């Protein structure tokens, strides 16, 4: 992302890195076990964050190319236009997580004993 989006990519990279640090901090604070499903959840979270950033940046670039003028217009509308796709992605992740939790498919130590 950094090589393609330059400064915006650096900001997005910092946000994704902060996301991972906060998740790992929450796992440590709760005393959670670091298992393969938790690693998969972190990877899914990073993928969702990168997808949201790419959606917003591409809509900003498309808006800037189609309408000359101040840069405020594409930035303001790109968030509005990408919002539905981002909500759809997050809702899919939440529904999948709820299904896995309800069916106990995430794996735990008590299941392996």
N, C-alpha and C. Protein backbone atom coordinates (compact mmCIF):
# COMPACT_ATOMS: atom_id res chain seq x y z
N UNK A 1 0.82 -1.19 0.00
CA UNK A 1 0.00 0.00 0.00
C UNK A 1 0.87 1.25 0.00
N UNK A 2 1.98 1.20 0.69
CA UNK A 2 2.82 2.39 0.80
C UNK A 2 3.38 2.79 -0.56
N UNK A 3 3.80 1.81 -1.36
CA UNK A 3 4.39 2.15 -2.65
C UNK A 3 3.35 2.67 -3.65
N UNK A 4 2.10 2.28 -3.49
CA UNK A 4 1.08 2.69 -4.45
C UNK A 4 0.36 3.97 -4.03
N UNK A 5 0.08 4.14 -2.74
CA UNK A 5 -0.69 5.29 -2.27
C UNK A 5 0.15 6.36 -1.58
N UNK A 6 1.46 6.17 -1.47
CA UNK A 6 2.39 7.14 -0.91
C UNK A 6 2.01 7.54 0.51
N UNK A 7 1.73 8.81 0.75
CA UNK A 7 1.49 9.31 2.11
C UNK A 7 0.24 8.66 2.71
N UNK A 8 -0.82 8.54 1.93
CA UNK A 8 -2.02 7.88 2.43
C UNK A 8 -1.74 6.42 2.77
N UNK A 9 -0.87 5.78 2.03
CA UNK A 9 -0.48 4.41 2.33
C UNK A 9 0.29 4.29 3.62
N UNK A 10 1.12 5.29 3.92
CA UNK A 10 1.85 5.30 5.18
C UNK A 10 0.89 5.44 6.35
N UNK A 11 -0.09 6.32 6.21
CA UNK A 11 -1.09 6.50 7.26
C UNK A 11 -1.91 5.21 7.43
N UNK A 12 -2.30 4.58 6.33
CA UNK A 12 -3.06 3.34 6.39
C UNK A 12 -2.23 2.22 7.03
N UNK A 13 -0.95 2.15 6.69
CA UNK A 13 -0.07 1.16 7.28
C UNK A 13 0.04 1.37 8.78
N UNK A 14 0.17 2.62 9.21
CA UNK A 14 0.25 2.92 10.64
C UNK A 14 -1.05 2.54 11.35
N UNK A 15 -2.18 2.77 10.70
CA UNK A 15 -3.47 2.41 11.31
C UNK A 15 -3.63 0.91 11.44
N UNK A 16 -3.21 0.16 10.43
CA UNK A 16 -3.30 -1.30 10.49
C UNK A 16 -2.35 -1.84 11.55
N UNK A 17 -1.16 -1.28 11.63
CA UNK A 17 -0.20 -1.69 12.65
C UNK A 17 -0.74 -1.40 14.05
N UNK A 18 -1.35 -0.25 14.24
CA UNK A 18 -1.96 0.09 15.52
C UNK A 18 -3.11 -0.87 15.84
N UNK A 19 -3.86 -1.27 14.84
CA UNK A 19 -4.94 -2.25 15.03
C UNK A 19 -4.38 -3.56 15.58
N UNK A 20 -3.29 -4.05 15.00
CA UNK A 20 -2.69 -5.31 15.45
C UNK A 20 -2.14 -5.16 16.87
N UNK A 21 -1.51 -4.03 17.16
CA UNK A 21 -0.97 -3.79 18.51
C UNK A 21 -2.09 -3.77 19.54
N UNK A 22 -3.20 -3.11 19.22
CA UNK A 22 -4.33 -3.07 20.15
C UNK A 22 -4.95 -4.45 20.36
N UNK A 23 -5.04 -5.24 19.30
CA UNK A 23 -5.58 -6.60 19.44
C UNK A 23 -4.67 -7.45 20.32
N UNK A 24 -3.36 -7.39 20.07
CA UNK A 24 -2.42 -8.16 20.88
C UNK A 24 -2.42 -7.68 22.33
N UNK A 25 -2.57 -6.36 22.53
CA UNK A 25 -2.66 -5.82 23.88
C UNK A 25 -3.91 -6.30 24.60
N UNK A 26 -5.03 -6.36 23.88
CA UNK A 26 -6.27 -6.86 24.48
C UNK A 26 -6.15 -8.34 24.83
N UNK A 27 -5.51 -9.12 23.95
CA UNK A 27 -5.29 -10.53 24.25
C UNK A 27 -4.43 -10.71 25.49
N UNK A 28 -3.38 -9.89 25.61
CA UNK A 28 -2.50 -9.98 26.77
C UNK A 28 -3.22 -9.52 28.04
N UNK A 29 -4.00 -8.46 27.96
CA UNK A 29 -4.71 -7.94 29.13
C UNK A 29 -5.78 -8.92 29.63
N UNK A 30 -6.40 -9.63 28.72
CA UNK A 30 -7.43 -10.59 29.10
C UNK A 30 -6.87 -11.95 29.47
N UNK A 31 -5.58 -12.13 29.26
CA UNK A 31 -4.97 -13.42 29.55
C UNK A 31 -5.40 -14.50 28.59
N UNK A 32 -5.74 -14.11 27.38
CA UNK A 32 -6.23 -15.07 26.39
C UNK A 32 -5.08 -15.92 25.85
N UNK A 33 -5.42 -17.12 25.47
CA UNK A 33 -4.43 -18.03 24.89
C UNK A 33 -4.24 -17.68 23.41
N UNK A 34 -3.00 -17.65 23.00
CA UNK A 34 -2.68 -17.32 21.62
C UNK A 34 -2.67 -18.61 20.82
N UNK A 35 -3.78 -18.87 20.12
CA UNK A 35 -3.94 -20.12 19.38
C UNK A 35 -3.99 -19.85 17.88
N UNK A 36 -4.07 -20.91 17.13
CA UNK A 36 -4.18 -20.77 15.68
C UNK A 36 -5.44 -20.02 15.26
N UNK A 37 -6.61 -20.26 15.88
CA UNK A 37 -7.78 -19.45 15.54
C UNK A 37 -7.61 -17.97 15.85
N UNK A 38 -6.87 -17.65 16.91
CA UNK A 38 -6.66 -16.22 17.20
C UNK A 38 -5.75 -15.59 16.17
N UNK A 39 -4.77 -16.33 15.69
CA UNK A 39 -3.91 -15.82 14.61
C UNK A 39 -4.74 -15.61 13.35
N UNK A 40 -5.63 -16.55 13.05
CA UNK A 40 -6.51 -16.40 11.88
C UNK A 40 -7.41 -15.18 12.02
N UNK A 41 -7.90 -14.92 13.23
CA UNK A 41 -8.74 -13.75 13.45
C UNK A 41 -7.96 -12.46 13.24
N UNK A 42 -6.72 -12.44 13.67
CA UNK A 42 -5.88 -11.25 13.47
C UNK A 42 -5.62 -11.04 11.98
N UNK A 43 -5.33 -12.10 11.27
CA UNK A 43 -5.11 -11.99 9.82
C UNK A 43 -6.38 -11.51 9.12
N UNK A 44 -7.55 -12.02 9.53
CA UNK A 44 -8.82 -11.57 8.97
C UNK A 44 -9.05 -10.09 9.26
N UNK A 45 -8.72 -9.67 10.46
CA UNK A 45 -8.88 -8.25 10.83
C UNK A 45 -7.97 -7.35 9.99
N UNK A 46 -6.74 -7.77 9.78
CA UNK A 46 -5.82 -6.99 8.95
C UNK A 46 -6.32 -6.94 7.51
N UNK A 47 -6.79 -8.06 7.00
CA UNK A 47 -7.33 -8.08 5.63
C UNK A 47 -8.53 -7.18 5.46
N UNK A 48 -9.42 -7.17 6.45
CA UNK A 48 -10.58 -6.30 6.39
C UNK A 48 -10.18 -4.83 6.44
N UNK A 49 -9.21 -4.50 7.28
CA UNK A 49 -8.74 -3.11 7.37
C UNK A 49 -8.07 -2.65 6.08
N UNK A 50 -7.26 -3.51 5.48
CA UNK A 50 -6.61 -3.16 4.22
C UNK A 50 -7.65 -3.01 3.12
N UNK A 51 -8.63 -3.89 3.09
CA UNK A 51 -9.70 -3.80 2.10
C UNK A 51 -10.46 -2.48 2.22
N UNK A 52 -10.76 -2.07 3.44
CA UNK A 52 -11.47 -0.80 3.65
C UNK A 52 -10.62 0.37 3.18
N UNK A 53 -9.33 0.34 3.47
CA UNK A 53 -8.45 1.42 3.04
C UNK A 53 -8.36 1.49 1.51
N UNK A 54 -8.24 0.36 0.87
CA UNK A 54 -8.16 0.34 -0.60
C UNK A 54 -9.46 0.85 -1.21
N UNK A 55 -10.59 0.46 -0.65
CA UNK A 55 -11.87 0.96 -1.16
C UNK A 55 -11.94 2.48 -1.07
N UNK A 56 -11.57 3.02 0.06
CA UNK A 56 -11.64 4.48 0.23
C UNK A 56 -10.66 5.18 -0.69
N UNK A 57 -9.43 4.68 -0.77
CA UNK A 57 -8.42 5.34 -1.61
C UNK A 57 -8.78 5.28 -3.08
N UNK A 58 -9.30 4.14 -3.54
CA UNK A 58 -9.67 4.03 -4.95
C UNK A 58 -10.85 4.93 -5.28
N UNK A 59 -11.80 5.04 -4.39
CA UNK A 59 -12.93 5.95 -4.64
C UNK A 59 -12.48 7.40 -4.62
N UNK A 60 -11.50 7.71 -3.78
CA UNK A 60 -10.94 9.07 -3.77
C UNK A 60 -10.23 9.36 -5.09
N UNK A 61 -9.43 8.42 -5.56
CA UNK A 61 -8.70 8.62 -6.82
C UNK A 61 -9.67 8.73 -7.99
N UNK A 62 -10.69 7.90 -8.01
CA UNK A 62 -11.68 7.94 -9.07
C UNK A 62 -12.44 9.27 -9.06
N UNK A 63 -12.79 9.75 -7.87
CA UNK A 63 -13.49 11.03 -7.75
C UNK A 63 -12.63 12.20 -8.15
N UNK A 64 -11.33 12.15 -7.81
CA UNK A 64 -10.43 13.23 -8.18
C UNK A 64 -10.19 13.27 -9.69
N UNK A 65 -10.17 12.10 -10.31
CA UNK A 65 -9.94 12.05 -11.76
C UNK A 65 -11.17 12.50 -12.55
N UNK A 66 -12.34 12.26 -12.02
CA UNK A 66 -13.55 12.57 -12.77
C UNK A 66 -14.04 14.00 -12.61
N UNK A 67 -13.59 14.67 -11.56
CA UNK A 67 -14.09 16.02 -11.32
C UNK A 67 -12.95 16.94 -10.89
N UNK A 68 -12.54 17.84 -11.78
CA UNK A 68 -11.49 18.77 -11.37
C UNK A 68 -12.03 19.77 -10.36
N UNK A 69 -11.18 20.22 -9.51
CA UNK A 69 -11.60 21.17 -8.49
C UNK A 69 -10.90 20.91 -7.19
N UNK A 70 -11.46 21.42 -6.10
CA UNK A 70 -10.80 21.25 -4.82
C UNK A 70 -10.75 19.78 -4.40
N UNK A 71 -9.70 19.43 -3.67
CA UNK A 71 -9.50 18.04 -3.26
C UNK A 71 -10.44 17.63 -2.14
N UNK A 72 -11.17 18.56 -1.57
CA UNK A 72 -12.07 18.23 -0.46
C UNK A 72 -13.25 17.39 -0.93
N UNK A 73 -13.73 17.61 -2.14
CA UNK A 73 -14.89 16.88 -2.62
C UNK A 73 -14.64 15.38 -2.71
N UNK A 74 -13.57 14.93 -3.38
CA UNK A 74 -13.37 13.48 -3.47
C UNK A 74 -13.14 12.84 -2.11
N UNK A 75 -12.45 13.51 -1.21
CA UNK A 75 -12.19 12.93 0.11
C UNK A 75 -13.47 12.77 0.90
N UNK A 76 -14.33 13.77 0.84
CA UNK A 76 -15.57 13.71 1.62
C UNK A 76 -16.52 12.66 1.08
N UNK A 77 -16.64 12.56 -0.22
CA UNK A 77 -17.60 11.62 -0.80
C UNK A 77 -17.07 10.19 -0.86
N UNK A 78 -15.76 10.00 -0.86
CA UNK A 78 -15.23 8.64 -0.94
C UNK A 78 -15.59 7.83 0.29
N UNK A 79 -15.60 8.46 1.45
CA UNK A 79 -16.02 7.74 2.66
C UNK A 79 -17.49 7.36 2.59
N UNK A 80 -18.32 8.28 2.08
CA UNK A 80 -19.75 7.99 1.97
C UNK A 80 -20.02 6.86 0.97
N UNK A 81 -19.29 6.87 -0.14
CA UNK A 81 -19.52 5.85 -1.17
C UNK A 81 -18.97 4.49 -0.78
N UNK A 82 -17.91 4.46 0.00
CA UNK A 82 -17.31 3.18 0.41
C UNK A 82 -17.97 2.61 1.65
N UNK A 83 -18.79 3.38 2.34
CA UNK A 83 -19.36 2.96 3.62
C UNK A 83 -20.17 1.68 3.51
N UNK A 84 -21.01 1.55 2.50
CA UNK A 84 -21.86 0.36 2.39
C UNK A 84 -21.04 -0.90 2.15
N UNK A 85 -20.00 -0.81 1.35
CA UNK A 85 -19.14 -1.98 1.11
C UNK A 85 -18.37 -2.36 2.36
N UNK A 86 -17.94 -1.37 3.14
CA UNK A 86 -17.20 -1.64 4.37
C UNK A 86 -18.13 -2.28 5.40
N UNK A 87 -19.34 -1.77 5.53
CA UNK A 87 -20.30 -2.36 6.47
C UNK A 87 -20.63 -3.79 6.05
N UNK A 88 -20.79 -4.04 4.77
CA UNK A 88 -21.07 -5.38 4.27
C UNK A 88 -19.93 -6.34 4.64
N UNK A 89 -18.71 -5.91 4.46
CA UNK A 89 -17.55 -6.73 4.80
C UNK A 89 -17.50 -7.03 6.29
N UNK A 90 -17.73 -6.03 7.11
CA UNK A 90 -17.69 -6.23 8.56
C UNK A 90 -18.84 -7.10 9.04
N UNK A 91 -20.02 -6.93 8.47
CA UNK A 91 -21.16 -7.75 8.87
C UNK A 91 -20.94 -9.22 8.49
N UNK A 92 -20.31 -9.45 7.35
CA UNK A 92 -19.98 -10.82 6.95
C UNK A 92 -19.03 -11.45 7.96
N UNK A 93 -18.05 -10.70 8.41
CA UNK A 93 -17.11 -11.21 9.42
C UNK A 93 -17.81 -11.48 10.74
N UNK A 94 -18.73 -10.61 11.15
CA UNK A 94 -19.45 -10.80 12.40
C UNK A 94 -20.36 -12.03 12.33
N UNK A 95 -21.06 -12.20 11.22
CA UNK A 95 -21.95 -13.35 11.06
C UNK A 95 -21.15 -14.65 11.06
N UNK A 96 -20.02 -14.65 10.37
CA UNK A 96 -19.15 -15.84 10.36
C UNK A 96 -18.63 -16.15 11.75
N UNK A 97 -18.21 -15.13 12.47
CA UNK A 97 -17.71 -15.33 13.84
C UNK A 97 -18.80 -15.86 14.75
N UNK A 98 -20.00 -15.33 14.63
CA UNK A 98 -21.12 -15.81 15.45
C UNK A 98 -21.44 -17.26 15.14
N UNK A 99 -21.40 -17.63 13.87
CA UNK A 99 -21.66 -19.02 13.48
C UNK A 99 -20.60 -19.95 14.05
N UNK A 100 -19.33 -19.56 13.93
CA UNK A 100 -18.25 -20.39 14.46
C UNK A 100 -18.34 -20.51 15.98
N UNK A 101 -18.69 -19.43 16.65
CA UNK A 101 -18.82 -19.47 18.10
C UNK A 101 -20.00 -20.34 18.52
N UNK A 102 -21.11 -20.21 17.82
CA UNK A 102 -22.30 -20.98 18.17
C UNK A 102 -22.09 -22.47 17.97
N UNK A 103 -21.31 -22.85 17.00
CA UNK A 103 -21.06 -24.26 16.71
C UNK A 103 -19.74 -24.75 17.30
N UNK A 104 -19.06 -23.89 18.04
CA UNK A 104 -17.80 -24.22 18.70
C UNK A 104 -16.76 -24.77 17.71
N UNK A 105 -16.66 -24.11 16.57
CA UNK A 105 -15.71 -24.55 15.56
C UNK A 105 -14.38 -23.81 15.65
N UNK A 106 -14.21 -22.96 16.66
CA UNK A 106 -12.99 -22.19 16.78
C UNK A 106 -11.86 -22.96 17.42
N UNK A 107 -12.14 -24.08 18.06
CA UNK A 107 -11.11 -24.87 18.71
C UNK A 107 -10.75 -24.31 20.07
N UNK A 108 -10.63 -25.15 21.05
CA UNK A 108 -10.21 -24.72 22.37
C UNK A 108 -9.51 -25.88 23.06
N UNK A 109 -8.90 -25.57 24.20
CA UNK A 109 -8.15 -26.60 24.92
C UNK A 109 -9.08 -27.67 25.49
N UNK A 110 -10.28 -27.28 25.93
CA UNK A 110 -11.17 -28.26 26.54
C UNK A 110 -11.70 -29.26 25.52
N UNK A 111 -11.73 -28.88 24.24
CA UNK A 111 -12.18 -29.82 23.22
C UNK A 111 -11.11 -30.85 22.88
N UNK A 112 -9.85 -30.49 23.06
CA UNK A 112 -8.78 -31.38 22.66
C UNK A 112 -8.43 -32.39 23.74
N UNK A 113 -8.92 -32.21 24.95
CA UNK A 113 -8.57 -33.13 26.03
C UNK A 113 -9.41 -34.39 26.02
